[in-house]
Amino acid sequence: MTTKTGEIEKLYYSIGEVAEMFEVNSSLIRFWEKEFPQLQPRKNNRGNRVYNKKDIDLFRKSHHLVKDRGFTLEGAKNALKKNDQEKNSELIIARLLSVREKLIMLESAL
């Protein structure tokens, strides 16, 4: 898979590659995996961690909250959890509105 700029977009990245992206040590990433339950990368056949885009995006959000915005780890966990809850609420509202529209269409057909 390639991007518009012609660069090859990888599906999985090693812990070393992720550490290099964020200019942190691999040990920080392993530590944050324990602290942030959402960050659970897969392991390959050799037992090495492999990170997909979703994992990297989550690490990016965590890194931004802690390193750039000055959140504590607990504060960052709460912020990510709240964000997840808000997204879930938005999805539920969208589904309910869709059901409502279908019910209105059914009612008008009667």
C-alpha atoms as a PDB file:
ATOM      1  CA  MET A   1       0.000   0.000   0.000  1.00  0.00           C
ATOM      2  CA  THR A   2       1.435   3.394  -0.951  1.00  0.00           C
ATOM      3  CA  THR A   3       0.533   6.964  -0.022  1.00  0.00           C
ATOM      4  CA  LYS A   4      -0.004   9.863  -2.444  1.00  0.00           C
ATOM      5  CA  THR A   5       3.610  10.911  -1.933  1.00  0.00           C
ATOM      6  CA  GLY A   6       4.776   7.492  -3.122  1.00  0.00           C
ATOM      7  CA  GLU A   7       5.943   6.365   0.318  1.00  0.00           C
ATOM      8  CA  ILE A   8       5.183   2.832   1.340  1.00  0.00           C
ATOM      9  CA  GLU A   9       2.736   2.761   4.201  1.00  0.00           C
ATOM     10  CA  LYS A  10       3.414  -0.122   6.537  1.00  0.00           C
ATOM     11  CA  LEU A  11       0.689  -2.048   8.289  1.00  0.00           C
ATOM     12  CA  TYR A  12       2.806  -2.848  11.339  1.00  0.00           C
ATOM     13  CA  TYR A  13       5.700  -1.128  13.071  1.00  0.00           C
ATOM     14  CA  SER A  14       8.207  -2.490  15.575  1.00  0.00           C
ATOM     15  CA  ILE A  15       8.602  -0.997  19.043  1.00  0.00           C
ATOM     16  CA  GLY A  16      11.937   0.470  17.914  1.00  0.00           C
ATOM     17  CA  GLU A  17      10.291   2.239  14.985  1.00  0.00           C
ATOM     18  CA  VAL A  18       7.558   3.661  17.205  1.00  0.00           C
ATOM     19  CA  ALA A  19      10.142   4.798  19.760  1.00  0.00           C
ATOM     20  CA  GLU A  20      12.058   6.530  16.981  1.00  0.00           C
ATOM     21  CA  MET A  21       8.896   8.262  15.700  1.00  0.00           C
ATOM     22  CA  PHE A  22       8.292   9.845  19.092  1.00  0.00           C
ATOM     23  CA  GLU A  23      11.932  10.181  20.138  1.00  0.00           C
ATOM     24  CA  VAL A  24      11.422   8.119  23.294  1.00  0.00           C
ATOM     25  CA  ASN A  25      12.952   4.931  24.678  1.00  0.00           C
ATOM     26  CA  SER A  26      11.333   1.573  24.002  1.00  0.00           C
ATOM     27  CA  SER A  27      11.058   1.112  27.767  1.00  0.00           C
ATOM     28  CA  LEU A  28       8.684   4.103  27.960  1.00  0.00           C
ATOM     29  CA  ILE A  29       6.416   2.495  25.404  1.00  0.00           C
ATOM     30  CA  ARG A  30       6.410  -0.813  27.302  1.00  0.00           C
ATOM     31  CA  PHE A  31       5.675   1.060  30.541  1.00  0.00           C
ATOM     32  CA  TRP A  32       2.784   2.976  28.970  1.00  0.00           C
ATOM     33  CA  GLU A  33       1.316  -0.299  27.708  1.00  0.00           C
ATOM     34  CA  LYS A  34       0.886  -1.239  31.365  1.00  0.00           C
ATOM     35  CA  GLU A  35      -0.528   2.179  32.271  1.00  0.00           C
ATOM     36  CA  PHE A  36      -2.939   2.621  29.336  1.00  0.00           C
ATOM     37  CA  PRO A  37      -5.137  -0.463  28.973  1.00  0.00           C
ATOM     38  CA  GLN A  38      -6.259   0.648  25.498  1.00  0.00           C
ATOM     39  CA  LEU A  39      -2.681   0.330  24.228  1.00  0.00           C
ATOM     40  CA  GLN A  40      -2.329  -3.392  23.629  1.00  0.00           C
ATOM     41  CA  PRO A  41      -0.268  -4.114  20.490  1.00  0.00           C
ATOM     42  CA  ARG A  42      -0.273  -7.546  18.948  1.00  0.00           C
ATOM     43  CA  LYS A  43       2.738  -9.789  19.128  1.00  0.00           C
ATOM     44  CA  ASN A  44       4.154 -11.569  16.108  1.00  0.00           C
ATOM     45  CA  ASN A  45       5.225 -15.220  15.952  1.00  0.00           C
ATOM     46  CA  ARG A  46       8.525 -14.346  17.598  1.00  0.00           C
ATOM     47  CA  GLY A  47       6.779 -12.603  20.480  1.00  0.00           C
ATOM     48  CA  ASN A  48       7.805  -9.101  19.375  1.00  0.00           C
ATOM     49  CA  ARG A  49       5.319  -6.260  19.673  1.00  0.00           C
ATOM     50  CA  VAL A  50       3.883  -4.988  16.402  1.00  0.00           C
ATOM     51  CA  TYR A  51       1.994  -1.697  16.332  1.00  0.00           C
ATOM     52  CA  ASN A  52      -0.689  -0.836  13.805  1.00  0.00           C
ATOM     53  CA  LYS A  53      -1.975   2.641  12.924  1.00  0.00           C
ATOM     54  CA  LYS A  54      -4.601   2.519  15.694  1.00  0.00           C
ATOM     55  CA  ASP A  55      -1.952   1.697  18.317  1.00  0.00           C
ATOM     56  CA  ILE A  56       0.280   4.495  17.061  1.00  0.00           C
ATOM     57  CA  ASP A  57      -2.588   7.002  17.076  1.00  0.00           C
ATOM     58  CA  LEU A  58      -3.408   6.055  20.666  1.00  0.00           C
ATOM     59  CA  PHE A  59       0.236   6.397  21.659  1.00  0.00           C
ATOM     60  CA  ARG A  60       0.324   9.767  19.869  1.00  0.00           C
ATOM     61  CA  LYS A  61      -2.695  10.993  21.868  1.00  0.00           C
ATOM     62  CA  SER A  62      -1.212   9.739  25.136  1.00  0.00           C
ATOM     63  CA  HIS A  63       2.178  11.260  24.317  1.00  0.00           C
ATOM     64  CA  HIS A  64       0.572  14.607  23.450  1.00  0.00           C
ATOM     65  CA  LEU A  65      -1.421  14.712  26.678  1.00  0.00           C
ATOM     66  CA  VAL A  66       1.523  13.805  28.909  1.00  0.00           C
ATOM     67  CA  LYS A  67       4.500  15.418  27.179  1.00  0.00           C
ATOM     68  CA  ASP A  68       2.961  18.440  25.443  1.00  0.00           C
ATOM     69  CA  ARG A  69       0.008  19.336  27.647  1.00  0.00           C
ATOM     70  CA  GLY A  70       1.552  18.310  30.960  1.00  0.00           C
ATOM     71  CA  PHE A  71      -1.093  15.813  32.077  1.00  0.00           C
ATOM     72  CA  THR A  72      -0.216  13.234  34.695  1.00  0.00           C
ATOM     73  CA  LEU A  73      -0.573   9.616  33.574  1.00  0.00           C
ATOM     74  CA  GLU A  74      -3.785   9.357  35.577  1.00  0.00           C
ATOM     75  CA  GLY A  75      -5.096  12.564  34.001  1.00  0.00           C
ATOM     76  CA  ALA A  76      -4.245  11.323  30.519  1.00  0.00           C
ATOM     77  CA  LYS A  77      -5.984   7.995  31.220  1.00  0.00           C
ATOM     78  CA  ASN A  78      -9.098   9.850  32.351  1.00  0.00           C
ATOM     79  CA  ALA A  79      -9.022  12.152  29.323  1.00  0.00           C
ATOM     80  CA  LEU A  80      -8.724   9.206  26.924  1.00  0.00           C
ATOM     81  CA  LYS A  81     -11.484   7.343  28.732  1.00  0.00           C
ATOM     82  CA  LYS A  82     -13.753  10.405  28.596  1.00  0.00           C
ATOM     83  CA  ASN A  83     -13.000  10.806  24.886  1.00  0.00           C
ATOM     84  CA  ASP A  84     -13.933   7.153  24.277  1.00  0.00           C
ATOM     85  CA  GLN A  85     -17.187   7.612  26.191  1.00  0.00           C
ATOM     86  CA  GLU A  86     -18.038  10.729  24.172  1.00  0.00           C
ATOM     87  CA  LYS A  87     -17.402   8.886  20.902  1.00  0.00           C
ATOM     88  CA  ASN A  88     -19.608   6.015  22.077  1.00  0.00           C
ATOM     89  CA  SER A  89     -22.342   8.486  23.022  1.00  0.00           C
ATOM     90  CA  GLU A  90     -22.135  10.099  19.585  1.00  0.00           C
ATOM     91  CA  LEU A  91     -22.445   6.706  17.907  1.00  0.00           C
ATOM     92  CA  ILE A  92     -25.452   5.781  20.038  1.00  0.00           C
ATOM     93  CA  ILE A  93     -27.148   9.101  19.261  1.00  0.00           C
ATOM     94  CA  ALA A  94     -26.534   8.637  15.524  1.00  0.00           C
ATOM     95  CA  ARG A  95     -28.018   5.132  15.647  1.00  0.00           C
ATOM     96  CA  LEU A  96     -31.043   6.313  17.588  1.00  0.00           C
ATOM     97  CA  LEU A  97     -31.652   9.119  15.088  1.00  0.00           C
ATOM     98  CA  SER A  98     -31.430   6.607  12.260  1.00  0.00           C
ATOM     99  CA  VAL A  99     -33.970   4.343  13.976  1.00  0.00           C
ATOM    100  CA  ARG A 100     -36.221   7.353  14.571  1.00  0.00           C
ATOM    101  CA  GLU A 101     -36.129   8.278  10.876  1.00  0.00           C
ATOM    102  CA  LYS A 102     -37.029   4.712   9.908  1.00  0.00           C
ATOM    103  CA  LEU A 103     -39.918   4.676  12.363  1.00  0.00           C
ATOM    104  CA  ILE A 104     -41.219   7.984  11.001  1.00  0.00           C
ATOM    105  CA  MET A 105     -41.048   6.549   7.467  1.00  0.00           C
ATOM    106  CA  LEU A 106     -42.932   3.448   8.604  1.00  0.00           C
ATOM    107  CA  GLU A 107     -45.548   5.554  10.343  1.00  0.00           C
ATOM    108  CA  SER A 108     -46.132   7.678   7.247  1.00  0.00           C
ATOM    109  CA  ALA A 109     -46.453   4.532   5.132  1.00  0.00           C
ATOM    110  CA  LEU A 110     -49.322   3.285   7.306  1.00  0.00           C
END
